PDB file of N, CA and C in Angstrom:
ATOM      1  N   MET A   1       0.842  -1.184   0.000  1.00  0.00           N
ATOM      2  CA  MET A   1       0.000   0.000   0.000  1.00  0.00           C
ATOM      3  C   MET A   1       0.884   1.242   0.000  1.00  0.00           C
ATOM      4  N   SER A   2       0.585   2.186  -0.852  1.00  0.00           N
ATOM      5  CA  SER A   2       1.397   3.396  -0.934  1.00  0.00           C
ATOM      6  C   SER A   2       0.929   4.418   0.092  1.00  0.00           C
ATOM      7  N   THR A   3       1.848   5.286   0.473  1.00  0.00           N
ATOM      8  CA  THR A   3       1.515   6.330   1.436  1.00  0.00           C
ATOM      9  C   THR A   3       1.239   7.621   0.696  1.00  0.00           C
ATOM     10  N   PRO A   4       0.347   8.470   1.224  1.00  0.00           N
ATOM     11  CA  PRO A   4       0.049   9.740   0.560  1.00  0.00           C
ATOM     12  C   PRO A   4       1.259  10.661   0.602  1.00  0.00           C
ATOM     13  N   MET A   5       1.302  11.605  -0.338  1.00  0.00           N
ATOM     14  CA  MET A   5       2.391  12.581  -0.369  1.00  0.00           C
ATOM     15  C   MET A   5       2.377  13.414   0.903  1.00  0.00           C
ATOM     16  N   THR A   6       3.567  13.750   1.378  1.00  0.00           N
ATOM     17  CA  THR A   6       3.664  14.556   2.586  1.00  0.00           C
ATOM     18  C   THR A   6       4.044  15.998   2.286  1.00  0.00           C
ATOM     19  N   ARG A   7       4.134  16.369   1.034  1.00  0.00           N
ATOM     20  CA  ARG A   7       4.478  17.745   0.675  1.00  0.00           C
ATOM     21  C   ARG A   7       3.318  18.684   1.003  1.00  0.00           C
ATOM     22  N   ALA A   8       3.668  19.919   1.290  1.00  0.00           N
ATOM     23  CA  ALA A   8       2.641  20.924   1.559  1.00  0.00           C
ATOM     24  C   ALA A   8       1.972  21.329   0.257  1.00  0.00           C
ATOM     25  N   LYS A   9       0.712  21.636   0.342  1.00  0.00           N
ATOM     26  CA  LYS A   9      -0.007  22.104  -0.845  1.00  0.00           C
ATOM     27  C   LYS A   9       0.525  23.470  -1.264  1.00  0.00           C
ATOM     28  N   PRO A  10       0.495  23.747  -2.572  1.00  0.00           N
ATOM     29  CA  PRO A  10       0.987  25.038  -3.058  1.00  0.00           C
ATOM     30  C   PRO A  10       0.217  26.196  -2.450  1.00  0.00           C
ATOM     31  N   ASN A  11       0.931  27.282  -2.195  1.00  0.00           N
ATOM     32  CA  ASN A  11       0.340  28.493  -1.645  1.00  0.00           C
ATOM     33  C   ASN A  11       0.656  29.639  -2.600  1.00  0.00           C
ATOM     34  N   VAL A  12      -0.363  30.216  -3.190  1.00  0.00           N
ATOM     35  CA  VAL A  12      -0.166  31.321  -4.119  1.00  0.00           C
ATOM     36  C   VAL A  12      -0.272  32.626  -3.322  1.00  0.00           C
ATOM     37  N   ASN A  13       0.847  33.340  -3.255  1.00  0.00           N
ATOM     38  CA  ASN A  13       0.888  34.604  -2.503  1.00  0.00           C
ATOM     39  C   ASN A  13       0.542  35.771  -3.403  1.00  0.00           C
ATOM     40  N   ASN A  14      -0.043  36.801  -2.815  1.00  0.00           N
ATOM     41  CA  ASN A  14      -0.337  38.020  -3.562  1.00  0.00           C
ATOM     42  C   ASN A  14       0.946  38.807  -3.769  1.00  0.00           C
ATOM     43  N   VAL A  15       1.052  39.435  -4.908  1.00  0.00           N
ATOM     44  CA  VAL A  15       2.213  40.268  -5.233  1.00  0.00           C
ATOM     45  C   VAL A  15       1.766  41.718  -5.129  1.00  0.00           C
ATOM     46  N   PRO A  16       2.548  42.568  -4.452  1.00  0.00           N
ATOM     47  CA  PRO A  16       2.160  43.978  -4.330  1.00  0.00           C
ATOM     48  C   PRO A  16       1.959  44.626  -5.691  1.00  0.00           C
ATOM     49  N   ILE A  17       1.041  45.538  -5.772  1.00  0.00           N
ATOM     50  CA  ILE A  17       0.714  46.206  -7.028  1.00  0.00           C
ATOM     51  C   ILE A  17       1.911  46.974  -7.585  1.00  0.00           C
ATOM     52  N   GLU A  18       2.801  47.438  -6.722  1.00  0.00           N
ATOM     53  CA  GLU A  18       3.956  48.214  -7.182  1.00  0.00           C
ATOM     54  C   GLU A  18       5.154  47.336  -7.555  1.00  0.00           C
ATOM     55  N   ALA A  19       4.988  46.035  -7.585  1.00  0.00           N
ATOM     56  CA  ALA A  19       6.076  45.116  -7.922  1.00  0.00           C
ATOM     57  C   ALA A  19       6.521  45.309  -9.366  1.00  0.00           C
ATOM     58  N   THR A  20       7.813  45.097  -9.602  1.00  0.00           N
ATOM     59  CA  THR A  20       8.354  45.171 -10.965  1.00  0.00           C
ATOM     60  C   THR A  20       7.947  43.912 -11.735  1.00  0.00           C
ATOM     61  N   ASP A  21       8.117  43.965 -13.060  1.00  0.00           N
ATOM     62  CA  ASP A  21       7.823  42.775 -13.860  1.00  0.00           C
ATOM     63  C   ASP A  21       8.694  41.596 -13.427  1.00  0.00           C
ATOM     64  N   GLU A  22       9.953  41.863 -13.117  1.00  0.00           N
ATOM     65  CA  GLU A  22      10.841  40.782 -12.674  1.00  0.00           C
ATOM     66  C   GLU A  22      10.320  40.144 -11.380  1.00  0.00           C
ATOM     67  N   GLU A  23       9.856  40.956 -10.449  1.00  0.00           N
ATOM     68  CA  GLU A  23       9.295  40.422  -9.198  1.00  0.00           C
ATOM     69  C   GLU A  23       8.019  39.625  -9.471  1.00  0.00           C
ATOM     70  N   ARG A  24       7.213  40.091 -10.402  1.00  0.00           N
ATOM     71  CA  ARG A  24       5.983  39.379 -10.753  1.00  0.00           C
ATOM     72  C   ARG A  24       6.287  38.044 -11.421  1.00  0.00           C
ATOM     73  N   VAL A  25       7.260  38.033 -12.331  1.00  0.00           N
ATOM     74  CA  VAL A  25       7.657  36.782 -12.978  1.00  0.00           C
ATOM     75  C   VAL A  25       8.203  35.816 -11.934  1.00  0.00           C
ATOM     76  N   ARG A  26       9.039  36.314 -11.033  1.00  0.00           N
ATOM     77  CA  ARG A  26       9.610  35.456  -9.983  1.00  0.00           C
ATOM     78  C   ARG A  26       8.498  34.839  -9.131  1.00  0.00           C
ATOM     79  N   ALA A  27       7.512  35.636  -8.742  1.00  0.00           N
ATOM     80  CA  ALA A  27       6.395  35.119  -7.940  1.00  0.00           C
ATOM     81  C   ALA A  27       5.599  34.077  -8.716  1.00  0.00           C
ATOM     82  N   LEU A  28       5.404  34.320 -10.008  1.00  0.00           N
ATOM     83  CA  LEU A  28       4.684  33.373 -10.850  1.00  0.00           C
ATOM     84  C   LEU A  28       5.460  32.066 -10.964  1.00  0.00           C
ATOM     85  N   ILE A  29       6.771  32.151 -11.171  1.00  0.00           N
ATOM     86  CA  ILE A  29       7.608  30.947 -11.254  1.00  0.00           C
ATOM     87  C   ILE A  29       7.570  30.194  -9.923  1.00  0.00           C
ATOM     88  N   GLU A  30       7.592  30.896  -8.808  1.00  0.00           N
ATOM     89  CA  GLU A  30       7.507  30.234  -7.499  1.00  0.00           C
ATOM     90  C   GLU A  30       6.187  29.490  -7.347  1.00  0.00           C
ATOM     91  N   SER A  31       5.099  30.071  -7.842  1.00  0.00           N
ATOM     92  CA  SER A  31       3.796  29.398  -7.790  1.00  0.00           C
ATOM     93  C   SER A  31       3.777  28.164  -8.684  1.00  0.00           C
ATOM     94  N   ILE A  32       4.321  28.298  -9.895  1.00  0.00           N
ATOM     95  CA  ILE A  32       4.392  27.155 -10.801  1.00  0.00           C
ATOM     96  C   ILE A  32       5.241  26.059 -10.172  1.00  0.00           C
ATOM     97  N   SER A  33       6.366  26.447  -9.581  1.00  0.00           N
ATOM     98  CA  SER A  33       7.260  25.472  -8.955  1.00  0.00           C
ATOM     99  C   SER A  33       6.572  24.729  -7.817  1.00  0.00           C
ATOM    100  N   ALA A  34       5.755  25.443  -7.050  1.00  0.00           N
ATOM    101  CA  ALA A  34       5.038  24.797  -5.948  1.00  0.00           C
ATOM    102  C   ALA A  34       4.122  23.693  -6.469  1.00  0.00           C
ATOM    103  N   TYR A  35       3.453  23.942  -7.580  1.00  0.00           N
ATOM    104  CA  TYR A  35       2.585  22.925  -8.174  1.00  0.00           C
ATOM    105  C   TYR A  35       3.392  21.764  -8.733  1.00  0.00           C
ATOM    106  N   ILE A  36       4.497  22.083  -9.422  1.00  0.00           N
ATOM    107  CA  ILE A  36       5.338  21.022  -9.969  1.00  0.00           C
ATOM    108  C   ILE A  36       5.880  20.153  -8.840  1.00  0.00           C
ATOM    109  N   ASP A  37       6.310  20.778  -7.759  1.00  0.00           N
ATOM    110  CA  ASP A  37       6.813  20.021  -6.608  1.00  0.00           C
ATOM    111  C   ASP A  37       5.719  19.154  -6.010  1.00  0.00           C
ATOM    112  N   TYR A  38       4.565  19.735  -5.799  1.00  0.00           N
ATOM    113  CA  TYR A  38       3.472  19.014  -5.145  1.00  0.00           C
ATOM    114  C   TYR A  38       2.997  17.816  -5.963  1.00  0.00           C
ATOM    115  N   TYR A  39       2.840  18.010  -7.249  1.00  0.00           N
ATOM    116  CA  TYR A  39       2.269  16.949  -8.081  1.00  0.00           C
ATOM    117  C   TYR A  39       3.293  16.037  -8.745  1.00  0.00           C
ATOM    118  N   HIS A  40       4.543  16.517  -8.908  1.00  0.00           N
ATOM    119  CA  HIS A  40       5.513  15.721  -9.658  1.00  0.00           C
ATOM    120  C   HIS A  40       6.862  15.548  -8.968  1.00  0.00           C
ATOM    121  N   GLY A  41       7.118  16.272  -7.896  1.00  0.00           N
ATOM    122  CA  GLY A  41       8.388  16.142  -7.187  1.00  0.00           C
ATOM    123  C   GLY A  41       9.535  16.907  -7.826  1.00  0.00           C
ATOM    124  N   GLY A  42       9.237  17.759  -8.788  1.00  0.00           N
ATOM    125  CA  GLY A  42      10.278  18.570  -9.421  1.00  0.00           C
ATOM    126  C   GLY A  42      10.153  20.016  -9.011  1.00  0.00           C
ATOM    127  N   SER A  43      11.010  20.845  -9.572  1.00  0.00           N
ATOM    128  CA  SER A  43      10.913  22.270  -9.270  1.00  0.00           C
ATOM    129  C   SER A  43      11.507  23.092 -10.410  1.00  0.00           C
ATOM    130  N   VAL A  44      11.171  24.362 -10.409  1.00  0.00           N
ATOM    131  CA  VAL A  44      11.704  25.315 -11.383  1.00  0.00           C
ATOM    132  C   VAL A  44      12.061  26.584 -10.626  1.00  0.00           C
ATOM    133  N   GLN A  45      13.245  27.136 -10.925  1.00  0.00           N
ATOM    134  CA  GLN A  45      13.689  28.371 -10.296  1.00  0.00           C
ATOM    135  C   GLN A  45      14.017  29.388 -11.377  1.00  0.00           C
ATOM    136  N   MET A  46      13.635  30.622 -11.134  1.00  0.00           N
ATOM    137  CA  MET A  46      13.985  31.688 -12.065  1.00  0.00           C
ATOM    138  C   MET A  46      15.443  32.061 -11.872  1.00  0.00           C
ATOM    139  N   VAL A  47      16.181  32.105 -12.968  1.00  0.00           N
ATOM    140  CA  VAL A  47      17.573  32.536 -12.941  1.00  0.00           C
ATOM    141  C   VAL A  47      17.657  34.002 -13.338  1.00  0.00           C
ATOM    142  N   SER A  48      16.979  34.354 -14.451  1.00  0.00           N
ATOM    143  CA  SER A  48      16.968  35.753 -14.880  1.00  0.00           C
ATOM    144  C   SER A  48      15.792  36.006 -15.816  1.00  0.00           C
ATOM    145  N   TYR A  49      15.437  37.287 -15.911  1.00  0.00           N
ATOM    146  CA  TYR A  49      14.370  37.727 -16.821  1.00  0.00           C
ATOM    147  C   TYR A  49      14.728  39.135 -17.273  1.00  0.00           C
ATOM    148  N   ASP A  50      14.828  39.335 -18.589  1.00  0.00           N
ATOM    149  CA  ASP A  50      15.211  40.642 -19.115  1.00  0.00           C
ATOM    150  C   ASP A  50      14.084  41.322 -19.891  1.00  0.00           C
ATOM    151  N   GLY A  51      12.865  40.824 -19.764  1.00  0.00           N
ATOM    152  CA  GLY A  51      11.737  41.395 -20.479  1.00  0.00           C
ATOM    153  C   GLY A  51      11.372  40.614 -21.728  1.00  0.00           C
ATOM    154  N   GLU A  52      12.341  39.887 -22.278  1.00  0.00           N
ATOM    155  CA  GLU A  52      12.090  39.067 -23.460  1.00  0.00           C
ATOM    156  C   GLU A  52      12.479  37.610 -23.264  1.00  0.00           C
ATOM    157  N   THR A  53      13.531  37.372 -22.487  1.00  0.00           N
ATOM    158  CA  THR A  53      14.016  36.009 -22.267  1.00  0.00           C
ATOM    159  C   THR A  53      13.963  35.680 -20.781  1.00  0.00           C
ATOM    160  N   LEU A  54      13.376  34.546 -20.492  1.00  0.00           N
ATOM    161  CA  LEU A  54      13.298  34.024 -19.133  1.00  0.00           C
ATOM    162  C   LEU A  54      14.209  32.809 -19.064  1.00  0.00           C
ATOM    163  N   LYS A  55      15.147  32.828 -18.123  1.00  0.00           N
ATOM    164  CA  LYS A  55      16.032  31.684 -17.917  1.00  0.00           C
ATOM    165  C   LYS A  55      15.664  31.043 -16.587  1.00  0.00           C
ATOM    166  N   VAL A  56      15.479  29.722 -16.634  1.00  0.00           N
ATOM    167  CA  VAL A  56      15.076  28.984 -15.441  1.00  0.00           C
ATOM    168  C   VAL A  56      15.957  27.753 -15.265  1.00  0.00           C
ATOM    169  N   LYS A  57      15.937  27.236 -14.067  1.00  0.00           N
ATOM    170  CA  LYS A  57      16.663  26.003 -13.750  1.00  0.00           C
ATOM    171  C   LYS A  57      15.639  24.977 -13.284  1.00  0.00           C
ATOM    172  N   LEU A  58      15.618  23.834 -13.952  1.00  0.00           N
ATOM    173  CA  LEU A  58      14.757  22.730 -13.533  1.00  0.00           C
ATOM    174  C   LEU A  58      15.560  21.829 -12.606  1.00  0.00           C
ATOM    175  N   SER A  59      14.918  21.307 -11.574  1.00  0.00           N
ATOM    176  CA  SER A  59      15.615  20.421 -10.646  1.00  0.00           C
ATOM    177  C   SER A  59      14.639  19.404 -10.069  1.00  0.00           C
ATOM    178  N   GLY A  60      15.131  18.604  -9.148  1.00  0.00           N
ATOM    179  CA  GLY A  60      14.301  17.552  -8.560  1.00  0.00           C
ATOM    180  C   GLY A  60      13.970  16.508  -9.600  1.00  0.00           C
ATOM    181  N   ALA A  61      12.743  16.046  -9.607  1.00  0.00           N
ATOM    182  CA  ALA A  61      12.312  15.010 -10.542  1.00  0.00           C
ATOM    183  C   ALA A  61      12.379  15.469 -11.989  1.00  0.00           C
ATOM    184  N   CYS A  62      12.454  16.772 -12.227  1.00  0.00           N
ATOM    185  CA  CYS A  62      12.535  17.290 -13.601  1.00  0.00           C
ATOM    186  C   CYS A  62      13.904  17.036 -14.226  1.00  0.00           C
ATOM    187  N   LEU A  63      14.944  16.895 -13.385  1.00  0.00           N
ATOM    188  CA  LEU A  63      16.285  16.653 -13.909  1.00  0.00           C
ATOM    189  C   LEU A  63      16.346  15.305 -14.598  1.00  0.00           C
ATOM    190  N   GLY A  64      16.669  15.312 -15.856  1.00  0.00           N
ATOM    191  CA  GLY A  64      16.785  14.072 -16.603  1.00  0.00           C
ATOM    192  C   GLY A  64      15.469  13.452 -17.028  1.00  0.00           C
ATOM    193  N   CYS A  65      14.364  14.057 -16.685  1.00  0.00           N
ATOM    194  CA  CYS A  65      13.056  13.518 -17.066  1.00  0.00           C
ATOM    195  C   CYS A  65      12.847  13.740 -18.561  1.00  0.00           C
ATOM    196  N   PRO A  66      12.409  12.712 -19.287  1.00  0.00           N
ATOM    197  CA  PRO A  66      12.192  12.895 -20.718  1.00  0.00           C
ATOM    198  C   PRO A  66      11.068  13.883 -21.043  1.00  0.00           C
ATOM    199  N   LEU A  67      10.224  14.192 -20.067  1.00  0.00           N
ATOM    200  CA  LEU A  67       9.140  15.156 -20.295  1.00  0.00           C
ATOM    201  C   LEU A  67       9.503  16.577 -19.861  1.00  0.00           C
ATOM    202  N   SER A  68      10.753  16.804 -19.447  1.00  0.00           N
ATOM    203  CA  SER A  68      11.128  18.145 -18.984  1.00  0.00           C
ATOM    204  C   SER A  68      10.985  19.211 -20.071  1.00  0.00           C
ATOM    205  N   PRO A  69      11.217  18.925 -21.375  1.00  0.00           N
ATOM    206  CA  PRO A  69      10.945  19.960 -22.384  1.00  0.00           C
ATOM    207  C   PRO A  69       9.461  20.350 -22.428  1.00  0.00           C
ATOM    208  N   THR A  70       8.586  19.388 -22.188  1.00  0.00           N
ATOM    209  CA  THR A  70       7.156  19.680 -22.148  1.00  0.00           C
ATOM    210  C   THR A  70       6.825  20.532 -20.930  1.00  0.00           C
ATOM    211  N   THR A  71       7.435  20.216 -19.800  1.00  0.00           N
ATOM    212  CA  THR A  71       7.242  21.026 -18.593  1.00  0.00           C
ATOM    213  C   THR A  71       7.742  22.445 -18.842  1.00  0.00           C
ATOM    214  N   LEU A  72       8.935  22.557 -19.425  1.00  0.00           N
ATOM    215  CA  LEU A  72       9.546  23.866 -19.663  1.00  0.00           C
ATOM    216  C   LEU A  72       8.708  24.712 -20.617  1.00  0.00           C
ATOM    217  N   HIS A  73       8.382  24.153 -21.766  1.00  0.00           N
ATOM    218  CA  HIS A  73       7.704  24.958 -22.783  1.00  0.00           C
ATOM    219  C   HIS A  73       6.181  24.933 -22.656  1.00  0.00           C
ATOM    220  N   GLY A  74       5.629  23.811 -22.281  1.00  0.00           N
ATOM    221  CA  GLY A  74       4.183  23.716 -22.160  1.00  0.00           C
ATOM    222  C   GLY A  74       3.652  24.359 -20.899  1.00  0.00           C
ATOM    223  N   TRP A  75       4.220  23.973 -19.774  1.00  0.00           N
ATOM    224  CA  TRP A  75       3.696  24.440 -18.490  1.00  0.00           C
ATOM    225  C   TRP A  75       4.279  25.797 -18.103  1.00  0.00           C
ATOM    226  N   VAL A  76       5.609  25.883 -18.025  1.00  0.00           N
ATOM    227  CA  VAL A  76       6.236  27.122 -17.565  1.00  0.00           C
ATOM    228  C   VAL A  76       6.048  28.240 -18.594  1.00  0.00           C
ATOM    229  N   GLU A  77       6.522  28.026 -19.817  1.00  0.00           N
ATOM    230  CA  GLU A  77       6.430  29.071 -20.837  1.00  0.00           C
ATOM    231  C   GLU A  77       4.978  29.426 -21.152  1.00  0.00           C
ATOM    232  N   GLY A  78       4.131  28.424 -21.273  1.00  0.00           N
ATOM    233  CA  GLY A  78       2.723  28.678 -21.578  1.00  0.00           C
ATOM    234  C   GLY A  78       2.047  29.523 -20.522  1.00  0.00           C
ATOM    235  N   THR A  79       2.331  29.239 -19.260  1.00  0.00           N
ATOM    236  CA  THR A  79       1.721  30.003 -18.169  1.00  0.00           C
ATOM    237  C   THR A  79       2.270  31.419 -18.122  1.00  0.00           C
ATOM    238  N   VAL A  80       3.581  31.564 -18.203  1.00  0.00           N
ATOM    239  CA  VAL A  80       4.183  32.896 -18.120  1.00  0.00           C
ATOM    240  C   VAL A  80       3.715  33.776 -19.279  1.00  0.00           C
ATOM    241  N   ARG A  81       3.601  33.215 -20.482  1.00  0.00           N
ATOM    242  CA  ARG A  81       3.159  34.004 -21.642  1.00  0.00           C
ATOM    243  C   ARG A  81       1.726  34.529 -21.473  1.00  0.00           C
ATOM    244  N   GLN A  82       0.909  33.849 -20.705  1.00  0.00           N
ATOM    245  CA  GLN A  82      -0.450  34.337 -20.465  1.00  0.00           C
ATOM    246  C   GLN A  82      -0.427  35.700 -19.769  1.00  0.00           C
ATOM    247  N   PHE A  83       0.564  35.911 -18.908  1.00  0.00           N
ATOM    248  CA  PHE A  83       0.660  37.145 -18.139  1.00  0.00           C
ATOM    249  C   PHE A  83       1.671  38.125 -18.713  1.00  0.00           C
ATOM    250  N   PHE A  84       2.630  37.608 -19.485  1.00  0.00           N
ATOM    251  CA  PHE A  84       3.691  38.422 -20.077  1.00  0.00           C
ATOM    252  C   PHE A  84       3.801  38.079 -21.563  1.00  0.00           C
ATOM    253  N   PRO A  85       2.878  38.590 -22.384  1.00  0.00           N
ATOM    254  CA  PRO A  85       2.824  38.219 -23.798  1.00  0.00           C
ATOM    255  C   PRO A  85       4.054  38.653 -24.612  1.00  0.00           C
ATOM    256  N   ASP A  86       4.853  39.575 -24.113  1.00  0.00           N
ATOM    257  CA  ASP A  86       6.056  39.998 -24.826  1.00  0.00           C
ATOM    258  C   ASP A  86       7.222  39.033 -24.653  1.00  0.00           C
ATOM    259  N   LEU A  87       7.044  38.008 -23.848  1.00  0.00           N
ATOM    260  CA  LEU A  87       8.084  37.006 -23.639  1.00  0.00           C
ATOM    261  C   LEU A  87       8.405  36.329 -24.970  1.00  0.00           C
ATOM    262  N   LYS A  88       9.686  36.303 -25.329  1.00  0.00           N
ATOM    263  CA  LYS A  88      10.111  35.702 -26.601  1.00  0.00           C
ATOM    264  C   LYS A  88      10.670  34.300 -26.416  1.00  0.00           C
ATOM    265  N   ASN A  89      11.444  34.084 -25.352  1.00  0.00           N
ATOM    266  CA  ASN A  89      12.129  32.799 -25.141  1.00  0.00           C
ATOM    267  C   ASN A  89      12.085  32.381 -23.681  1.00  0.00           C
ATOM    268  N   VAL A  90      12.024  31.082 -23.479  1.00  0.00           N
ATOM    269  CA  VAL A  90      12.228  30.484 -22.161  1.00  0.00           C
ATOM    270  C   VAL A  90      13.316  29.452 -22.342  1.00  0.00           C
ATOM    271  N   GLU A  91      14.375  29.588 -21.549  1.00  0.00           N
ATOM    272  CA  GLU A  91      15.515  28.695 -21.670  1.00  0.00           C
ATOM    273  C   GLU A  91      15.821  28.031 -20.334  1.00  0.00           C
ATOM    274  N   ALA A  92      16.170  26.747 -20.410  1.00  0.00           N
ATOM    275  CA  ALA A  92      16.651  26.036 -19.228  1.00  0.00           C
ATOM    276  C   ALA A  92      18.168  26.197 -19.170  1.00  0.00           C
ATOM    277  N   VAL A  93      18.690  26.546 -18.019  1.00  0.00           N
ATOM    278  CA  VAL A  93      20.144  26.706 -17.849  1.00  0.00           C
ATOM    279  C   VAL A  93      20.648  25.768 -16.764  1.00  0.00           C
TER     280      VAL A  93
END
């Protein structure tokens, strides 16, 4: 019999209205990472964002996973583009 996951459920925090785009992207990536951790055991961290290119680091279960390109471009990039349509590239570093 398997045991239930012991990870905490994701918590989406409010971002102050005066936050910069970089702070907003970072908060969004932290929220996405919380879901990835909770449901898949992986994580994503923002490395940098210059207004057009977002660089992230995948870790945990995402490292070496054959579906990590789907996570990167489908989940992370797709979600971020909904809020930041000027985003041109998402790169894993």
